[in-house]
């Protein structure tokens, strides 16, 4: 929004854009990035240094701690909200054990099965196959017949 139609002026306006971004309060912390990092507002002009008493320094430190605590609380609330919205689509994970019999999705096997049937008539799941090993919390190794040309370690989403 700071450049002309030939896009030649952006280097001249880059400093202004950076200043504006660093001076604007963020929606989740209610404070500017500059204030959160440097504990003071971004200054527009130049001011000479003044000698101050320790009481003012203590007030400043107290004020900065309050600002940081408010920012932490606001970020914590934003984080909880994000987790709540993300958890809406998550479901409980089924724990598999060695020796369990499971059905395998044909989603990755379609290219092998298309020759035999049309895709609409292909089964959604085949098996059952025995769980040979638990690879990780989201992968298991199955005892697959030799005609199945996929790696025996499959994601639990395919079961």
N, C-alpha and C. Protein backbone atom coordinates (compact mmCIF):
# COMPACT_ATOMS: atom_id res chain seq x y z
N UNK A 1 0.80 -1.19 0.00
CA UNK A 1 0.00 0.00 0.00
C UNK A 1 0.84 1.26 0.00
N UNK A 2 2.17 1.12 0.13
CA UNK A 2 3.05 2.28 0.13
C UNK A 2 3.76 2.49 -1.21
N UNK A 3 3.45 1.73 -2.22
CA UNK A 3 4.21 1.83 -3.47
C UNK A 3 3.33 2.28 -4.62
N UNK A 4 3.97 2.75 -5.66
CA UNK A 4 3.21 3.19 -6.84
C UNK A 4 2.96 2.00 -7.75
N UNK A 5 2.32 2.23 -8.87
CA UNK A 5 1.96 1.14 -9.76
C UNK A 5 3.17 0.49 -10.42
N UNK A 6 4.31 1.17 -10.44
CA UNK A 6 5.51 0.56 -11.02
C UNK A 6 6.36 -0.15 -9.97
N UNK A 7 5.94 -0.11 -8.73
CA UNK A 7 6.59 -0.80 -7.61
C UNK A 7 8.07 -0.43 -7.46
N UNK A 8 8.33 0.85 -7.49
CA UNK A 8 9.71 1.31 -7.36
C UNK A 8 9.98 2.01 -6.04
N UNK A 9 8.94 2.30 -5.25
CA UNK A 9 9.13 3.10 -4.05
C UNK A 9 9.22 2.28 -2.76
N UNK A 10 9.13 0.97 -2.81
CA UNK A 10 9.09 0.20 -1.58
C UNK A 10 10.32 0.37 -0.70
N UNK A 11 11.56 0.54 -1.23
CA UNK A 11 12.69 0.73 -0.32
C UNK A 11 12.56 2.02 0.51
N UNK A 12 11.94 3.04 -0.06
CA UNK A 12 11.78 4.31 0.66
C UNK A 12 10.79 4.17 1.81
N UNK A 13 9.80 3.29 1.67
CA UNK A 13 8.74 3.17 2.66
C UNK A 13 8.94 1.99 3.61
N UNK A 14 10.00 1.22 3.43
CA UNK A 14 10.21 0.03 4.25
C UNK A 14 10.36 0.37 5.74
N UNK A 15 11.12 1.42 6.05
CA UNK A 15 11.30 1.84 7.43
C UNK A 15 9.99 2.25 8.09
N UNK A 16 9.17 2.96 7.34
CA UNK A 16 7.86 3.38 7.86
C UNK A 16 6.97 2.18 8.12
N UNK A 17 6.97 1.23 7.22
CA UNK A 17 6.16 0.02 7.40
C UNK A 17 6.63 -0.78 8.61
N UNK A 18 7.95 -0.90 8.79
CA UNK A 18 8.49 -1.63 9.94
C UNK A 18 8.13 -0.92 11.24
N UNK A 19 8.25 0.41 11.26
CA UNK A 19 7.90 1.19 12.45
C UNK A 19 6.42 0.99 12.80
N UNK A 20 5.56 1.04 11.79
CA UNK A 20 4.13 0.88 12.01
C UNK A 20 3.81 -0.50 12.57
N UNK A 21 4.43 -1.53 12.01
CA UNK A 21 4.19 -2.90 12.48
C UNK A 21 4.64 -3.07 13.93
N UNK A 22 5.84 -2.57 14.25
CA UNK A 22 6.39 -2.74 15.60
C UNK A 22 5.68 -1.89 16.64
N UNK A 23 4.93 -0.87 16.22
CA UNK A 23 4.27 0.03 17.15
C UNK A 23 2.79 -0.32 17.34
N UNK A 24 2.26 -1.27 16.58
CA UNK A 24 0.84 -1.63 16.65
C UNK A 24 0.65 -2.76 17.67
N UNK A 25 -0.37 -2.61 18.50
CA UNK A 25 -0.66 -3.63 19.52
C UNK A 25 -1.19 -4.89 18.85
N UNK A 26 -0.68 -6.06 19.27
CA UNK A 26 -1.09 -7.35 18.72
C UNK A 26 -2.44 -7.73 19.31
N UNK A 27 -3.27 -8.43 18.55
CA UNK A 27 -4.63 -8.75 18.99
C UNK A 27 -4.68 -9.74 20.15
N UNK A 28 -3.70 -10.62 20.28
CA UNK A 28 -3.76 -11.60 21.36
C UNK A 28 -2.99 -11.16 22.61
N UNK A 29 -1.98 -10.29 22.47
CA UNK A 29 -1.22 -9.85 23.65
C UNK A 29 -1.61 -8.46 24.12
N UNK A 30 -2.32 -7.72 23.29
CA UNK A 30 -2.73 -6.35 23.60
C UNK A 30 -1.54 -5.43 23.87
N UNK A 31 -0.39 -5.77 23.34
CA UNK A 31 0.79 -4.92 23.44
C UNK A 31 1.57 -5.02 22.14
N UNK A 32 2.42 -4.04 21.89
CA UNK A 32 3.18 -4.04 20.64
C UNK A 32 4.37 -4.98 20.75
N UNK A 33 4.86 -5.52 19.62
CA UNK A 33 6.04 -6.39 19.67
C UNK A 33 7.26 -5.67 20.26
N UNK A 34 7.41 -4.38 19.96
CA UNK A 34 8.55 -3.62 20.48
C UNK A 34 8.48 -3.54 22.00
N UNK A 35 7.28 -3.24 22.54
CA UNK A 35 7.13 -3.11 23.99
C UNK A 35 7.34 -4.45 24.68
N UNK A 36 6.88 -5.52 24.06
CA UNK A 36 7.06 -6.85 24.65
C UNK A 36 8.54 -7.24 24.69
N UNK A 37 9.32 -6.84 23.68
CA UNK A 37 10.74 -7.20 23.63
C UNK A 37 11.63 -6.26 24.43
N UNK A 38 11.35 -4.96 24.37
CA UNK A 38 12.27 -3.98 24.96
C UNK A 38 11.71 -3.27 26.19
N UNK A 39 10.50 -3.63 26.61
CA UNK A 39 9.89 -3.12 27.84
C UNK A 39 9.63 -1.61 27.81
N UNK A 40 9.47 -1.04 26.65
CA UNK A 40 9.12 0.37 26.54
C UNK A 40 8.46 0.61 25.19
N UNK A 41 7.71 1.71 25.13
CA UNK A 41 7.06 2.05 23.87
C UNK A 41 8.10 2.55 22.88
N UNK A 42 7.80 2.38 21.63
CA UNK A 42 8.65 2.86 20.55
C UNK A 42 8.58 4.38 20.53
N UNK A 43 9.73 5.04 20.52
CA UNK A 43 9.74 6.50 20.57
C UNK A 43 9.82 7.07 19.17
N UNK A 44 9.04 8.11 18.96
CA UNK A 44 8.99 8.73 17.64
C UNK A 44 10.11 9.76 17.50
N UNK A 45 10.32 10.58 18.51
CA UNK A 45 11.34 11.63 18.44
C UNK A 45 12.56 11.26 19.27
N UNK A 46 13.47 12.22 19.40
CA UNK A 46 14.67 12.01 20.20
C UNK A 46 14.55 12.81 21.48
N UNK A 47 14.88 12.20 22.58
CA UNK A 47 14.85 12.88 23.86
C UNK A 47 16.22 12.71 24.52
N UNK A 48 16.64 13.72 25.21
CA UNK A 48 17.91 13.63 25.93
C UNK A 48 17.75 12.74 27.14
N UNK A 49 18.84 12.18 27.59
CA UNK A 49 18.79 11.33 28.78
C UNK A 49 18.65 12.19 30.02
N UNK A 50 17.80 11.75 30.92
CA UNK A 50 17.57 12.48 32.16
C UNK A 50 18.00 11.60 33.31
N UNK A 51 18.55 12.22 34.32
CA UNK A 51 18.91 11.46 35.52
C UNK A 51 17.65 11.28 36.35
N UNK A 52 17.38 10.07 36.72
CA UNK A 52 16.18 9.77 37.49
C UNK A 52 16.57 9.09 38.78
N UNK A 53 15.65 9.07 39.68
CA UNK A 53 15.89 8.43 40.96
C UNK A 53 15.57 6.95 40.86
N UNK A 54 16.04 6.19 41.85
CA UNK A 54 15.81 4.76 41.87
C UNK A 54 14.33 4.41 42.01
N UNK A 55 13.57 5.26 42.65
CA UNK A 55 12.14 4.99 42.83
C UNK A 55 11.45 4.90 41.47
N UNK A 56 11.83 5.75 40.54
CA UNK A 56 11.24 5.70 39.21
C UNK A 56 11.64 4.41 38.49
N UNK A 57 12.87 3.99 38.70
CA UNK A 57 13.32 2.73 38.09
C UNK A 57 12.53 1.55 38.64
N UNK A 58 12.26 1.57 39.95
CA UNK A 58 11.47 0.50 40.55
C UNK A 58 10.05 0.51 40.02
N UNK A 59 9.46 1.70 39.84
CA UNK A 59 8.13 1.80 39.25
C UNK A 59 8.13 1.22 37.84
N UNK A 60 9.17 1.55 37.09
CA UNK A 60 9.28 1.07 35.72
C UNK A 60 9.36 -0.45 35.68
N UNK A 61 10.19 -1.02 36.55
CA UNK A 61 10.33 -2.48 36.59
C UNK A 61 9.01 -3.13 36.99
N UNK A 62 8.32 -2.54 37.96
CA UNK A 62 7.04 -3.08 38.39
C UNK A 62 6.02 -3.01 37.25
N UNK A 63 5.98 -1.89 36.55
CA UNK A 63 5.05 -1.72 35.44
C UNK A 63 5.35 -2.73 34.33
N UNK A 64 6.64 -2.94 34.04
CA UNK A 64 7.03 -3.87 32.98
C UNK A 64 6.65 -5.31 33.36
N UNK A 65 6.81 -5.66 34.62
CA UNK A 65 6.42 -7.00 35.06
C UNK A 65 4.93 -7.20 34.91
N UNK A 66 4.14 -6.16 35.24
CA UNK A 66 2.69 -6.24 35.07
C UNK A 66 2.33 -6.43 33.60
N UNK A 67 2.98 -5.67 32.73
CA UNK A 67 2.71 -5.78 31.29
C UNK A 67 3.06 -7.18 30.79
N UNK A 68 4.21 -7.71 31.22
CA UNK A 68 4.61 -9.05 30.80
C UNK A 68 3.66 -10.11 31.33
N UNK A 69 3.17 -9.95 32.57
CA UNK A 69 2.22 -10.91 33.13
C UNK A 69 0.91 -10.88 32.35
N UNK A 70 0.45 -9.68 32.02
CA UNK A 70 -0.78 -9.56 31.23
C UNK A 70 -0.60 -10.22 29.85
N UNK A 71 0.58 -9.99 29.26
CA UNK A 71 0.85 -10.61 27.95
C UNK A 71 0.89 -12.13 28.06
N UNK A 72 1.49 -12.65 29.14
CA UNK A 72 1.54 -14.11 29.33
C UNK A 72 0.14 -14.69 29.49
N UNK A 73 -0.70 -13.99 30.28
CA UNK A 73 -2.07 -14.47 30.48
C UNK A 73 -2.83 -14.44 29.15
N UNK A 74 -2.67 -13.34 28.39
CA UNK A 74 -3.37 -13.23 27.11
C UNK A 74 -2.90 -14.30 26.14
N UNK A 75 -1.59 -14.55 26.09
CA UNK A 75 -1.06 -15.59 25.21
C UNK A 75 -1.52 -16.98 25.66
N UNK A 76 -1.58 -17.19 26.97
CA UNK A 76 -2.08 -18.46 27.49
C UNK A 76 -3.52 -18.70 27.09
N UNK A 77 -4.34 -17.66 27.19
CA UNK A 77 -5.75 -17.78 26.78
C UNK A 77 -5.84 -18.05 25.28
N UNK A 78 -5.05 -17.33 24.48
CA UNK A 78 -5.06 -17.57 23.03
C UNK A 78 -4.62 -18.99 22.72
N UNK A 79 -3.63 -19.50 23.46
CA UNK A 79 -3.15 -20.86 23.26
C UNK A 79 -4.24 -21.88 23.62
N UNK A 80 -4.95 -21.64 24.72
CA UNK A 80 -6.05 -22.54 25.11
C UNK A 80 -7.15 -22.54 24.05
N UNK A 81 -7.48 -21.35 23.54
CA UNK A 81 -8.51 -21.26 22.49
C UNK A 81 -8.10 -22.04 21.25
N UNK A 82 -6.82 -21.87 20.84
CA UNK A 82 -6.34 -22.59 19.66
C UNK A 82 -6.40 -24.10 19.89
N UNK A 83 -6.01 -24.55 21.10
CA UNK A 83 -6.05 -25.98 21.41
C UNK A 83 -7.49 -26.49 21.38
N UNK A 84 -8.42 -25.71 21.92
CA UNK A 84 -9.82 -26.11 21.95
C UNK A 84 -10.35 -26.30 20.52
N UNK A 85 -10.03 -25.36 19.63
CA UNK A 85 -10.51 -25.47 18.25
C UNK A 85 -9.81 -26.61 17.51
N UNK A 86 -8.53 -26.85 17.80
CA UNK A 86 -7.80 -27.94 17.15
C UNK A 86 -8.31 -29.30 17.65
N UNK A 87 -8.66 -29.39 18.94
CA UNK A 87 -9.11 -30.65 19.52
C UNK A 87 -10.50 -31.06 19.04
N UNK A 88 -11.25 -30.14 18.45
CA UNK A 88 -12.58 -30.49 17.96
C UNK A 88 -12.52 -31.59 16.90
N UNK A 89 -11.47 -31.59 16.09
CA UNK A 89 -11.35 -32.56 15.00
C UNK A 89 -10.54 -33.79 15.38
N UNK A 90 -9.96 -33.79 16.56
CA UNK A 90 -9.15 -34.93 16.98
C UNK A 90 -10.03 -35.98 17.64
N UNK A 91 -9.60 -37.21 17.52
CA UNK A 91 -10.34 -38.30 18.16
C UNK A 91 -9.38 -39.13 19.00
N UNK A 92 -9.95 -39.98 19.83
CA UNK A 92 -9.14 -40.84 20.70
C UNK A 92 -8.36 -41.84 19.85
N UNK A 93 -7.12 -42.10 20.24
CA UNK A 93 -6.27 -43.03 19.52
C UNK A 93 -6.52 -44.43 20.06
N UNK A 94 -6.71 -45.38 19.15
CA UNK A 94 -6.91 -46.78 19.54
C UNK A 94 -5.54 -47.39 19.80
N UNK A 95 -5.39 -48.05 20.94
CA UNK A 95 -4.13 -48.70 21.27
C UNK A 95 -4.16 -50.13 20.71
N UNK A 96 -3.21 -50.45 19.86
CA UNK A 96 -3.11 -51.80 19.29
C UNK A 96 -2.06 -52.59 20.04
N UNK A 97 -2.27 -53.91 20.09
CA UNK A 97 -1.32 -54.82 20.75
C UNK A 97 -0.85 -55.84 19.74
N UNK A 98 0.31 -56.42 19.98
CA UNK A 98 0.83 -57.48 19.12
C UNK A 98 -0.14 -58.65 19.16
N UNK A 99 -0.50 -59.14 17.98
CA UNK A 99 -1.43 -60.26 17.88
C UNK A 99 -2.86 -59.83 17.55
N UNK A 100 -3.17 -58.53 17.66
CA UNK A 100 -4.51 -58.05 17.29
C UNK A 100 -4.75 -58.27 15.80
N UNK A 101 -6.00 -58.55 15.44
CA UNK A 101 -6.38 -58.67 14.03
C UNK A 101 -7.04 -57.37 13.60
N UNK A 102 -6.54 -56.80 12.48
CA UNK A 102 -7.06 -55.52 12.01
C UNK A 102 -7.37 -55.61 10.52
N UNK A 103 -8.25 -54.74 10.08
CA UNK A 103 -8.59 -54.63 8.66
C UNK A 103 -7.76 -53.47 8.09
N UNK A 104 -7.26 -53.64 6.87
CA UNK A 104 -6.41 -52.64 6.22
C UNK A 104 -7.20 -51.92 5.14
N UNK A 105 -7.09 -50.59 5.12
CA UNK A 105 -7.78 -49.78 4.12
C UNK A 105 -7.20 -50.07 2.74
N UNK A 106 -8.05 -50.09 1.74
CA UNK A 106 -7.60 -50.34 0.37
C UNK A 106 -7.22 -49.04 -0.35
N UNK A 107 -7.19 -47.95 0.36
CA UNK A 107 -6.87 -46.66 -0.26
C UNK A 107 -5.51 -46.70 -0.96
N UNK A 108 -4.51 -47.30 -0.33
CA UNK A 108 -3.18 -47.41 -0.94
C UNK A 108 -3.05 -48.64 -1.84
N UNK A 109 -4.03 -49.52 -1.82
CA UNK A 109 -3.97 -50.76 -2.60
C UNK A 109 -4.78 -50.68 -3.89
N UNK A 110 -5.41 -49.55 -4.15
CA UNK A 110 -6.33 -49.47 -5.30
C UNK A 110 -5.66 -49.80 -6.62
N UNK A 111 -4.42 -49.37 -6.79
CA UNK A 111 -3.74 -49.66 -8.06
C UNK A 111 -3.53 -51.16 -8.26
N UNK A 112 -3.45 -51.93 -7.19
CA UNK A 112 -3.30 -53.37 -7.29
C UNK A 112 -4.64 -54.06 -7.55
N UNK A 113 -5.73 -53.46 -7.07
CA UNK A 113 -7.03 -54.11 -7.14
C UNK A 113 -7.87 -53.65 -8.34
N UNK A 114 -7.50 -52.55 -8.98
CA UNK A 114 -8.28 -52.01 -10.09
C UNK A 114 -8.33 -52.99 -11.25
N UNK A 115 -7.27 -53.74 -11.46
CA UNK A 115 -7.24 -54.69 -12.58
C UNK A 115 -8.34 -55.74 -12.44
N UNK A 116 -8.70 -56.07 -11.21
CA UNK A 116 -9.67 -57.12 -10.98
C UNK A 116 -11.11 -56.62 -11.01
N UNK A 117 -11.36 -55.39 -10.45
CA UNK A 117 -12.72 -54.88 -10.36
C UNK A 117 -12.72 -53.38 -10.66
N UNK A 118 -13.89 -52.87 -10.85
CA UNK A 118 -14.00 -51.42 -10.98
C UNK A 118 -13.78 -50.79 -9.62
N UNK A 119 -13.38 -49.55 -9.62
CA UNK A 119 -13.05 -48.90 -8.36
C UNK A 119 -14.27 -48.76 -7.43
N UNK A 120 -15.44 -48.54 -8.00
CA UNK A 120 -16.64 -48.41 -7.19
C UNK A 120 -16.98 -49.71 -6.45
N UNK A 121 -16.64 -50.83 -7.04
CA UNK A 121 -16.99 -52.11 -6.43
C UNK A 121 -15.88 -52.68 -5.55
N UNK A 122 -14.76 -51.99 -5.46
CA UNK A 122 -13.65 -52.45 -4.65
C UNK A 122 -13.99 -52.32 -3.17
N UNK A 123 -13.60 -53.31 -2.38
CA UNK A 123 -13.85 -53.27 -0.93
C UNK A 123 -13.06 -52.12 -0.32
N UNK A 124 -13.62 -51.51 0.71
CA UNK A 124 -12.95 -50.40 1.41
C UNK A 124 -11.84 -50.92 2.33
N UNK A 125 -12.04 -52.08 2.92
CA UNK A 125 -11.05 -52.68 3.82
C UNK A 125 -10.87 -54.15 3.46
N UNK A 126 -9.64 -54.65 3.62
CA UNK A 126 -9.33 -56.06 3.38
C UNK A 126 -8.65 -56.60 4.63
N UNK A 127 -8.67 -57.91 4.76
CA UNK A 127 -8.01 -58.50 5.92
C UNK A 127 -8.91 -59.55 6.52
N UNK A 128 -8.76 -59.92 7.72
CA UNK A 128 -7.95 -59.29 8.76
C UNK A 128 -6.48 -59.73 8.70
N UNK A 129 -5.61 -58.81 9.15
CA UNK A 129 -4.18 -59.08 9.23
C UNK A 129 -3.73 -58.94 10.67
N UNK A 130 -2.74 -59.75 11.05
CA UNK A 130 -2.26 -59.76 12.43
C UNK A 130 -1.21 -58.66 12.63
N UNK A 131 -1.30 -57.95 13.77
CA UNK A 131 -0.30 -56.95 14.14
C UNK A 131 0.94 -57.70 14.61
N UNK A 132 2.05 -57.49 13.89
CA UNK A 132 3.29 -58.19 14.19
C UNK A 132 4.14 -57.43 15.21
N UNK A 133 4.13 -56.07 15.10
CA UNK A 133 4.99 -55.26 15.96
C UNK A 133 4.41 -53.86 16.06
N UNK A 134 4.56 -53.23 17.22
CA UNK A 134 4.16 -51.83 17.39
C UNK A 134 5.41 -50.99 17.09
N UNK A 135 5.38 -50.25 15.98
CA UNK A 135 6.54 -49.45 15.57
C UNK A 135 6.61 -48.16 16.38
N UNK A 136 5.50 -47.45 16.48
CA UNK A 136 5.41 -46.23 17.28
C UNK A 136 3.96 -46.04 17.67
N UNK A 137 3.65 -44.88 18.27
CA UNK A 137 2.27 -44.66 18.71
C UNK A 137 1.30 -44.53 17.55
N UNK A 138 1.82 -44.25 16.35
CA UNK A 138 0.92 -44.10 15.19
C UNK A 138 1.28 -45.01 14.03
N UNK A 139 2.08 -46.05 14.26
CA UNK A 139 2.42 -46.99 13.18
C UNK A 139 2.56 -48.40 13.75
N UNK A 140 2.08 -49.38 12.97
CA UNK A 140 2.21 -50.78 13.35
C UNK A 140 2.72 -51.58 12.15
N UNK A 141 3.38 -52.70 12.44
CA UNK A 141 3.86 -53.59 11.38
C UNK A 141 2.90 -54.76 11.31
N UNK A 142 2.40 -55.04 10.10
CA UNK A 142 1.41 -56.10 9.90
C UNK A 142 2.02 -57.30 9.20
N UNK A 143 1.44 -58.46 9.43
CA UNK A 143 1.78 -59.67 8.68
C UNK A 143 0.95 -59.65 7.41
N UNK A 144 1.54 -59.21 6.31
CA UNK A 144 0.82 -59.09 5.04
C UNK A 144 1.19 -60.24 4.11
N UNK A 145 0.27 -60.70 3.29
CA UNK A 145 0.61 -61.73 2.31
C UNK A 145 1.55 -61.15 1.24
N UNK A 146 2.25 -61.99 0.54
CA UNK A 146 3.24 -61.54 -0.45
C UNK A 146 2.60 -60.84 -1.63
N UNK A 147 1.33 -61.06 -1.89
CA UNK A 147 0.69 -60.40 -3.04
C UNK A 147 0.42 -58.91 -2.77
N UNK A 148 0.43 -58.51 -1.49
CA UNK A 148 0.24 -57.09 -1.16
C UNK A 148 1.59 -56.40 -1.28
N UNK A 149 1.69 -55.46 -2.20
CA UNK A 149 2.97 -54.83 -2.53
C UNK A 149 3.16 -53.50 -1.81
N UNK A 150 2.93 -53.45 -0.51
CA UNK A 150 3.20 -52.24 0.26
C UNK A 150 4.10 -52.61 1.42
N UNK A 151 4.70 -51.61 2.03
CA UNK A 151 5.55 -51.83 3.20
C UNK A 151 4.68 -52.32 4.35
N UNK A 152 5.16 -53.29 5.12
CA UNK A 152 4.31 -53.85 6.18
C UNK A 152 4.06 -52.88 7.34
N UNK A 153 4.89 -51.84 7.51
CA UNK A 153 4.65 -50.85 8.55
C UNK A 153 3.67 -49.81 8.00
N UNK A 154 2.49 -49.74 8.61
CA UNK A 154 1.45 -48.83 8.12
C UNK A 154 1.00 -47.88 9.24
N UNK A 155 0.53 -46.73 8.84
CA UNK A 155 -0.01 -45.76 9.79
C UNK A 155 -1.35 -46.28 10.30
N UNK A 156 -1.63 -45.98 11.57
CA UNK A 156 -2.88 -46.47 12.16
C UNK A 156 -4.10 -45.82 11.50
N UNK A 157 -3.92 -44.73 10.76
CA UNK A 157 -5.04 -44.13 10.03
C UNK A 157 -5.52 -45.04 8.90
N UNK A 158 -4.69 -45.94 8.45
CA UNK A 158 -5.06 -46.86 7.37
C UNK A 158 -5.68 -48.15 7.87
N UNK A 159 -5.87 -48.25 9.17
CA UNK A 159 -6.43 -49.47 9.77
C UNK A 159 -7.88 -49.21 10.16
